Each structure stands twice: as C-alpha cells, then as structure tokens.
Amino acid sequence: MIVQIRCFSCGKPIAHLWKDFRERVEKGEDPKKVLDELGLERYCCRAQLLGQPVPDLMDIATQFKRF
C-alpha cells in the first residue's frame, strides 16, 4: 500500500506506524485503542491512518493486465 510518509497537516512522520496499525486492526483490535498505543494524539495524523483502506489494494491492482 502506498502510505503517506508524513501527515499532510502537521508534517509528523507516520509511515512507519502503518504496518503495525494494519496488522493489529486485521487481528480484530479496536482502531482507537491501537492509535492511542502507537502515540498518535492529533486528529490529523489519526485521520491519515484511518483513511487508508486496511486491505492492501496494491496487491489486488497488480493482478490485472497493464495496457
């Protein structure tokens, strides 16, 4: 998945948190709890991770033929 390196609003690096967030949410944990434990307090940073689709769409898109 192509994840933003930094938050668009405040500039805090968030890409390194995506893998942990995705894995824990897929296991069934509450996204709010996961974001709190990862240390994301600002609404803008939380929205960046919550706005990314959890299933990896890049794997799905690469299955189709290129033109």
PDB file of N, CA and C in Angstrom:
ATOM      1  N   MET A   1       0.836  -1.176   0.000  1.00  0.00           N
ATOM      2  CA  MET A   1       0.000   0.000   0.000  1.00  0.00           C
ATOM      3  C   MET A   1       0.877   1.234   0.000  1.00  0.00           C
ATOM      4  N   ILE A   2       0.468   2.225  -0.718  1.00  0.00           N
ATOM      5  CA  ILE A   2       1.204   3.480  -0.752  1.00  0.00           C
ATOM      6  C   ILE A   2       0.662   4.359   0.366  1.00  0.00           C
ATOM      7  N   VAL A   3       1.459   4.554   1.386  1.00  0.00           N
ATOM      8  CA  VAL A   3       1.054   5.313   2.561  1.00  0.00           C
ATOM      9  C   VAL A   3       1.824   6.628   2.578  1.00  0.00           C
ATOM     10  N   GLN A   4       1.176   7.670   3.057  1.00  0.00           N
ATOM     11  CA  GLN A   4       1.853   8.957   3.160  1.00  0.00           C
ATOM     12  C   GLN A   4       3.024   8.844   4.131  1.00  0.00           C
ATOM     13  N   ILE A   5       4.129   9.461   3.754  1.00  0.00           N
ATOM     14  CA  ILE A   5       5.308   9.453   4.626  1.00  0.00           C
ATOM     15  C   ILE A   5       5.061  10.338   5.836  1.00  0.00           C
ATOM     16  N   ARG A   6       4.489  11.510   5.580  1.00  0.00           N
ATOM     17  CA  ARG A   6       4.194  12.464   6.648  1.00  0.00           C
ATOM     18  C   ARG A   6       2.729  12.856   6.604  1.00  0.00           C
ATOM     19  N   CYS A   7       2.248  13.316   7.732  1.00  0.00           N
ATOM     20  CA  CYS A   7       0.888  13.828   7.816  1.00  0.00           C
ATOM     21  C   CYS A   7       0.796  15.089   6.964  1.00  0.00           C
ATOM     22  N   PHE A   8      -0.285  15.216   6.191  1.00  0.00           N
ATOM     23  CA  PHE A   8      -0.438  16.375   5.324  1.00  0.00           C
ATOM     24  C   PHE A   8      -0.583  17.678   6.109  1.00  0.00           C
ATOM     25  N   SER A   9      -1.188  17.624   7.281  1.00  0.00           N
ATOM     26  CA  SER A   9      -1.462  18.843   8.040  1.00  0.00           C
ATOM     27  C   SER A   9      -0.292  19.305   8.899  1.00  0.00           C
ATOM     28  N   CYS A  10       0.246  18.400   9.713  1.00  0.00           N
ATOM     29  CA  CYS A  10       1.261  18.822  10.684  1.00  0.00           C
ATOM     30  C   CYS A  10       2.680  18.417  10.314  1.00  0.00           C
ATOM     31  N   GLY A  11       2.844  17.462   9.392  1.00  0.00           N
ATOM     32  CA  GLY A  11       4.178  17.065   8.960  1.00  0.00           C
ATOM     33  C   GLY A  11       4.845  15.993   9.800  1.00  0.00           C
ATOM     34  N   LYS A  12       4.114  15.412  10.749  1.00  0.00           N
ATOM     35  CA  LYS A  12       4.690  14.358  11.592  1.00  0.00           C
ATOM     36  C   LYS A  12       4.874  13.083  10.773  1.00  0.00           C
ATOM     37  N   PRO A  13       6.018  12.401  10.874  1.00  0.00           N
ATOM     38  CA  PRO A  13       6.212  11.131  10.160  1.00  0.00           C
ATOM     39  C   PRO A  13       5.246  10.064  10.691  1.00  0.00           C
ATOM     40  N   ILE A  14       4.502   9.424   9.776  1.00  0.00           N
ATOM     41  CA  ILE A  14       3.524   8.425  10.203  1.00  0.00           C
ATOM     42  C   ILE A  14       3.648   7.104   9.436  1.00  0.00           C
ATOM     43  N   ALA A  15       4.451   7.055   8.390  1.00  0.00           N
ATOM     44  CA  ALA A  15       4.519   5.855   7.544  1.00  0.00           C
ATOM     45  C   ALA A  15       5.043   4.645   8.307  1.00  0.00           C
ATOM     46  N   HIS A  16       5.934   4.847   9.255  1.00  0.00           N
ATOM     47  CA  HIS A  16       6.498   3.725   9.991  1.00  0.00           C
ATOM     48  C   HIS A  16       5.476   3.055  10.918  1.00  0.00           C
ATOM     49  N   LEU A  17       4.345   3.712  11.169  1.00  0.00           N
ATOM     50  CA  LEU A  17       3.311   3.160  12.037  1.00  0.00           C
ATOM     51  C   LEU A  17       2.263   2.354  11.280  1.00  0.00           C
ATOM     52  N   TRP A  18       2.239   2.471   9.950  1.00  0.00           N
ATOM     53  CA  TRP A  18       1.177   1.854   9.161  1.00  0.00           C
ATOM     54  C   TRP A  18       1.144   0.332   9.283  1.00  0.00           C
ATOM     55  N   LYS A  19       2.288  -0.317   9.211  1.00  0.00           N
ATOM     56  CA  LYS A  19       2.329  -1.779   9.239  1.00  0.00           C
ATOM     57  C   LYS A  19       1.783  -2.322  10.566  1.00  0.00           C
ATOM     58  N   ASP A  20       2.225  -1.733  11.675  1.00  0.00           N
ATOM     59  CA  ASP A  20       1.729  -2.173  12.984  1.00  0.00           C
ATOM     60  C   ASP A  20       0.229  -1.926  13.107  1.00  0.00           C
ATOM     61  N   PHE A  21      -0.219  -0.763  12.644  1.00  0.00           N
ATOM     62  CA  PHE A  21      -1.636  -0.425  12.713  1.00  0.00           C
ATOM     63  C   PHE A  21      -2.464  -1.431  11.905  1.00  0.00           C
ATOM     64  N   ARG A  22      -2.043  -1.691  10.680  1.00  0.00           N
ATOM     65  CA  ARG A  22      -2.790  -2.596   9.801  1.00  0.00           C
ATOM     66  C   ARG A  22      -2.867  -4.004  10.382  1.00  0.00           C
ATOM     67  N   GLU A  23      -1.746  -4.513  10.864  1.00  0.00           N
ATOM     68  CA  GLU A  23      -1.719  -5.871  11.404  1.00  0.00           C
ATOM     69  C   GLU A  23      -2.624  -6.011  12.621  1.00  0.00           C
ATOM     70  N   ARG A  24      -2.596  -5.021  13.499  1.00  0.00           N
ATOM     71  CA  ARG A  24      -3.387  -5.112  14.721  1.00  0.00           C
ATOM     72  C   ARG A  24      -4.876  -4.959  14.449  1.00  0.00           C
ATOM     73  N   VAL A  25      -5.243  -4.112  13.496  1.00  0.00           N
ATOM     74  CA  VAL A  25      -6.653  -3.942  13.160  1.00  0.00           C
ATOM     75  C   VAL A  25      -7.181  -5.189  12.462  1.00  0.00           C
ATOM     76  N   GLU A  26      -6.356  -5.807  11.608  1.00  0.00           N
ATOM     77  CA  GLU A  26      -6.778  -7.040  10.940  1.00  0.00           C
ATOM     78  C   GLU A  26      -6.985  -8.177  11.932  1.00  0.00           C
ATOM     79  N   LYS A  27      -6.263  -8.156  13.045  1.00  0.00           N
ATOM     80  CA  LYS A  27      -6.436  -9.179  14.078  1.00  0.00           C
ATOM     81  C   LYS A  27      -7.703  -8.952  14.890  1.00  0.00           C
ATOM     82  N   GLY A  28      -8.319  -7.779  14.753  1.00  0.00           N
ATOM     83  CA  GLY A  28      -9.582  -7.516  15.436  1.00  0.00           C
ATOM     84  C   GLY A  28      -9.523  -6.497  16.549  1.00  0.00           C
ATOM     85  N   GLU A  29      -8.401  -5.841  16.736  1.00  0.00           N
ATOM     86  CA  GLU A  29      -8.318  -4.837  17.787  1.00  0.00           C
ATOM     87  C   GLU A  29      -9.067  -3.572  17.376  1.00  0.00           C
ATOM     88  N   ASP A  30      -9.475  -2.804  18.359  1.00  0.00           N
ATOM     89  CA  ASP A  30     -10.186  -1.553  18.125  1.00  0.00           C
ATOM     90  C   ASP A  30      -9.206  -0.512  17.571  1.00  0.00           C
ATOM     91  N   PRO A  31      -9.517   0.122  16.425  1.00  0.00           N
ATOM     92  CA  PRO A  31      -8.599   1.106  15.848  1.00  0.00           C
ATOM     93  C   PRO A  31      -8.269   2.259  16.790  1.00  0.00           C
ATOM     94  N   LYS A  32      -9.235   2.693  17.599  1.00  0.00           N
ATOM     95  CA  LYS A  32      -8.976   3.790  18.541  1.00  0.00           C
ATOM     96  C   LYS A  32      -7.904   3.403  19.557  1.00  0.00           C
ATOM     97  N   LYS A  33      -8.019   2.200  20.081  1.00  0.00           N
ATOM     98  CA  LYS A  33      -7.046   1.713  21.058  1.00  0.00           C
ATOM     99  C   LYS A  33      -5.657   1.596  20.427  1.00  0.00           C
ATOM    100  N   VAL A  34      -5.603   1.088  19.201  1.00  0.00           N
ATOM    101  CA  VAL A  34      -4.319   0.912  18.511  1.00  0.00           C
ATOM    102  C   VAL A  34      -3.657   2.267  18.283  1.00  0.00           C
ATOM    103  N   LEU A  35      -4.419   3.248  17.810  1.00  0.00           N
ATOM    104  CA  LEU A  35      -3.859   4.584  17.566  1.00  0.00           C
ATOM    105  C   LEU A  35      -3.371   5.220  18.861  1.00  0.00           C
ATOM    106  N   ASP A  36      -4.102   5.030  19.949  1.00  0.00           N
ATOM    107  CA  ASP A  36      -3.666   5.557  21.241  1.00  0.00           C
ATOM    108  C   ASP A  36      -2.340   4.933  21.675  1.00  0.00           C
ATOM    109  N   GLU A  37      -2.216   3.618  21.492  1.00  0.00           N
ATOM    110  CA  GLU A  37      -0.986   2.928  21.903  1.00  0.00           C
ATOM    111  C   GLU A  37       0.198   3.260  20.994  1.00  0.00           C
ATOM    112  N   LEU A  38      -0.075   3.600  19.744  1.00  0.00           N
ATOM    113  CA  LEU A  38       1.005   3.999  18.839  1.00  0.00           C
ATOM    114  C   LEU A  38       1.463   5.441  19.083  1.00  0.00           C
ATOM    115  N   GLY A  39       0.719   6.174  19.877  1.00  0.00           N
ATOM    116  CA  GLY A  39       1.126   7.527  20.237  1.00  0.00           C
ATOM    117  C   GLY A  39       0.608   8.617  19.314  1.00  0.00           C
ATOM    118  N   LEU A  40      -0.410   8.323  18.533  1.00  0.00           N
ATOM    119  CA  LEU A  40      -0.985   9.336  17.650  1.00  0.00           C
ATOM    120  C   LEU A  40      -2.100  10.058  18.396  1.00  0.00           C
ATOM    121  N   GLU A  41      -1.843  11.314  18.745  1.00  0.00           N
ATOM    122  CA  GLU A  41      -2.807  12.085  19.516  1.00  0.00           C
ATOM    123  C   GLU A  41      -3.553  13.094  18.657  1.00  0.00           C
ATOM    124  N   ARG A  42      -2.914  13.590  17.612  1.00  0.00           N
ATOM    125  CA  ARG A  42      -3.540  14.620  16.783  1.00  0.00           C
ATOM    126  C   ARG A  42      -4.577  14.005  15.849  1.00  0.00           C
ATOM    127  N   TYR A  43      -5.660  14.732  15.654  1.00  0.00           N
ATOM    128  CA  TYR A  43      -6.730  14.248  14.795  1.00  0.00           C
ATOM    129  C   TYR A  43      -6.270  14.110  13.347  1.00  0.00           C
ATOM    130  N   CYS A  44      -5.403  14.997  12.918  1.00  0.00           N
ATOM    131  CA  CYS A  44      -4.967  14.956  11.517  1.00  0.00           C
ATOM    132  C   CYS A  44      -4.173  13.678  11.237  1.00  0.00           C
ATOM    133  N   CYS A  45      -3.296  13.291  12.134  1.00  0.00           N
ATOM    134  CA  CYS A  45      -2.492  12.075  11.945  1.00  0.00           C
ATOM    135  C   CYS A  45      -3.363  10.826  12.023  1.00  0.00           C
ATOM    136  N   ARG A  46      -4.300  10.822  12.953  1.00  0.00           N
ATOM    137  CA  ARG A  46      -5.191   9.682  13.096  1.00  0.00           C
ATOM    138  C   ARG A  46      -6.034   9.497  11.844  1.00  0.00           C
ATOM    139  N   ALA A  47      -6.482  10.604  11.271  1.00  0.00           N
ATOM    140  CA  ALA A  47      -7.318  10.536  10.064  1.00  0.00           C
ATOM    141  C   ALA A  47      -6.529   9.988   8.883  1.00  0.00           C
ATOM    142  N   GLN A  48      -5.229  10.271   8.818  1.00  0.00           N
ATOM    143  CA  GLN A  48      -4.413   9.758   7.719  1.00  0.00           C
ATOM    144  C   GLN A  48      -4.368   8.232   7.740  1.00  0.00           C
ATOM    145  N   LEU A  49      -4.212   7.642   8.911  1.00  0.00           N
ATOM    146  CA  LEU A  49      -4.153   6.183   9.002  1.00  0.00           C
ATOM    147  C   LEU A  49      -5.537   5.555   8.882  1.00  0.00           C
ATOM    148  N   LEU A  50      -6.544   6.200   9.454  1.00  0.00           N
ATOM    149  CA  LEU A  50      -7.894   5.653   9.368  1.00  0.00           C
ATOM    150  C   LEU A  50      -8.448   5.747   7.955  1.00  0.00           C
ATOM    151  N   GLY A  51      -7.978   6.719   7.183  1.00  0.00           N
ATOM    152  CA  GLY A  51      -8.464   6.906   5.827  1.00  0.00           C
ATOM    153  C   GLY A  51      -7.881   5.932   4.826  1.00  0.00           C
ATOM    154  N   GLN A  52      -6.804   5.255   5.192  1.00  0.00           N
ATOM    155  CA  GLN A  52      -6.203   4.257   4.300  1.00  0.00           C
ATOM    156  C   GLN A  52      -6.999   2.965   4.395  1.00  0.00           C
ATOM    157  N   PRO A  53      -7.324   2.352   3.268  1.00  0.00           N
ATOM    158  CA  PRO A  53      -8.040   1.070   3.333  1.00  0.00           C
ATOM    159  C   PRO A  53      -7.143  -0.009   3.939  1.00  0.00           C
ATOM    160  N   VAL A  54      -7.709  -0.811   4.825  1.00  0.00           N
ATOM    161  CA  VAL A  54      -6.931  -1.844   5.503  1.00  0.00           C
ATOM    162  C   VAL A  54      -6.495  -2.949   4.549  1.00  0.00           C
ATOM    163  N   PRO A  55      -7.360  -3.458   3.651  1.00  0.00           N
ATOM    164  CA  PRO A  55      -6.824  -4.454   2.711  1.00  0.00           C
ATOM    165  C   PRO A  55      -5.858  -3.791   1.744  1.00  0.00           C
ATOM    166  N   ASP A  56      -4.806  -4.481   1.431  1.00  0.00           N
ATOM    167  CA  ASP A  56      -3.777  -3.910   0.576  1.00  0.00           C
ATOM    168  C   ASP A  56      -4.251  -3.903  -0.871  1.00  0.00           C
ATOM    169  N   LEU A  57      -4.683  -2.751  -1.357  1.00  0.00           N
ATOM    170  CA  LEU A  57      -5.243  -2.635  -2.696  1.00  0.00           C
ATOM    171  C   LEU A  57      -4.179  -2.741  -3.780  1.00  0.00           C
ATOM    172  N   MET A  58      -2.921  -2.512  -3.453  1.00  0.00           N
ATOM    173  CA  MET A  58      -1.866  -2.616  -4.446  1.00  0.00           C
ATOM    174  C   MET A  58      -1.721  -4.060  -4.921  1.00  0.00           C
ATOM    175  N   ASP A  59      -1.861  -5.020  -4.024  1.00  0.00           N
ATOM    176  CA  ASP A  59      -1.798  -6.431  -4.423  1.00  0.00           C
ATOM    177  C   ASP A  59      -2.948  -6.804  -5.352  1.00  0.00           C
ATOM    178  N   ILE A  60      -4.113  -6.259  -5.095  1.00  0.00           N
ATOM    179  CA  ILE A  60      -5.274  -6.529  -5.938  1.00  0.00           C
ATOM    180  C   ILE A  60      -5.095  -5.881  -7.307  1.00  0.00           C
ATOM    181  N   ALA A  61      -4.599  -4.661  -7.337  1.00  0.00           N
ATOM    182  CA  ALA A  61      -4.459  -3.936  -8.602  1.00  0.00           C
ATOM    183  C   ALA A  61      -3.389  -4.542  -9.500  1.00  0.00           C
ATOM    184  N   THR A  62      -2.359  -5.138  -8.942  1.00  0.00           N
ATOM    185  CA  THR A  62      -1.287  -5.699  -9.758  1.00  0.00           C
ATOM    186  C   THR A  62      -1.680  -7.011 -10.426  1.00  0.00           C
ATOM    187  N   GLN A  63      -2.804  -7.572 -10.070  1.00  0.00           N
ATOM    188  CA  GLN A  63      -3.258  -8.808 -10.701  1.00  0.00           C
ATOM    189  C   GLN A  63      -3.802  -8.576 -12.102  1.00  0.00           C
ATOM    190  N   PHE A  64      -4.189  -7.354 -12.409  1.00  0.00           N
ATOM    191  CA  PHE A  64      -4.790  -7.053 -13.697  1.00  0.00           C
ATOM    192  C   PHE A  64      -3.731  -6.711 -14.737  1.00  0.00           C
ATOM    193  N   LYS A  65      -4.069  -6.936 -15.973  1.00  0.00           N
ATOM    194  CA  LYS A  65      -3.161  -6.722 -17.080  1.00  0.00           C
ATOM    195  C   LYS A  65      -2.955  -5.232 -17.330  1.00  0.00           C
ATOM    196  N   ARG A  66      -1.721  -4.851 -17.609  1.00  0.00           N
ATOM    197  CA  ARG A  66      -1.420  -3.465 -17.953  1.00  0.00           C
ATOM    198  C   ARG A  66      -1.693  -3.234 -19.437  1.00  0.00           C
ATOM    199  N   PHE A  67      -1.980  -2.001 -19.776  1.00  0.00           N
ATOM    200  CA  PHE A  67      -2.211  -1.646 -21.180  1.00  0.00           C
ATOM    201  C   PHE A  67      -0.978  -1.042 -21.776  1.00  0.00           C
TER     202      PHE A  67
END
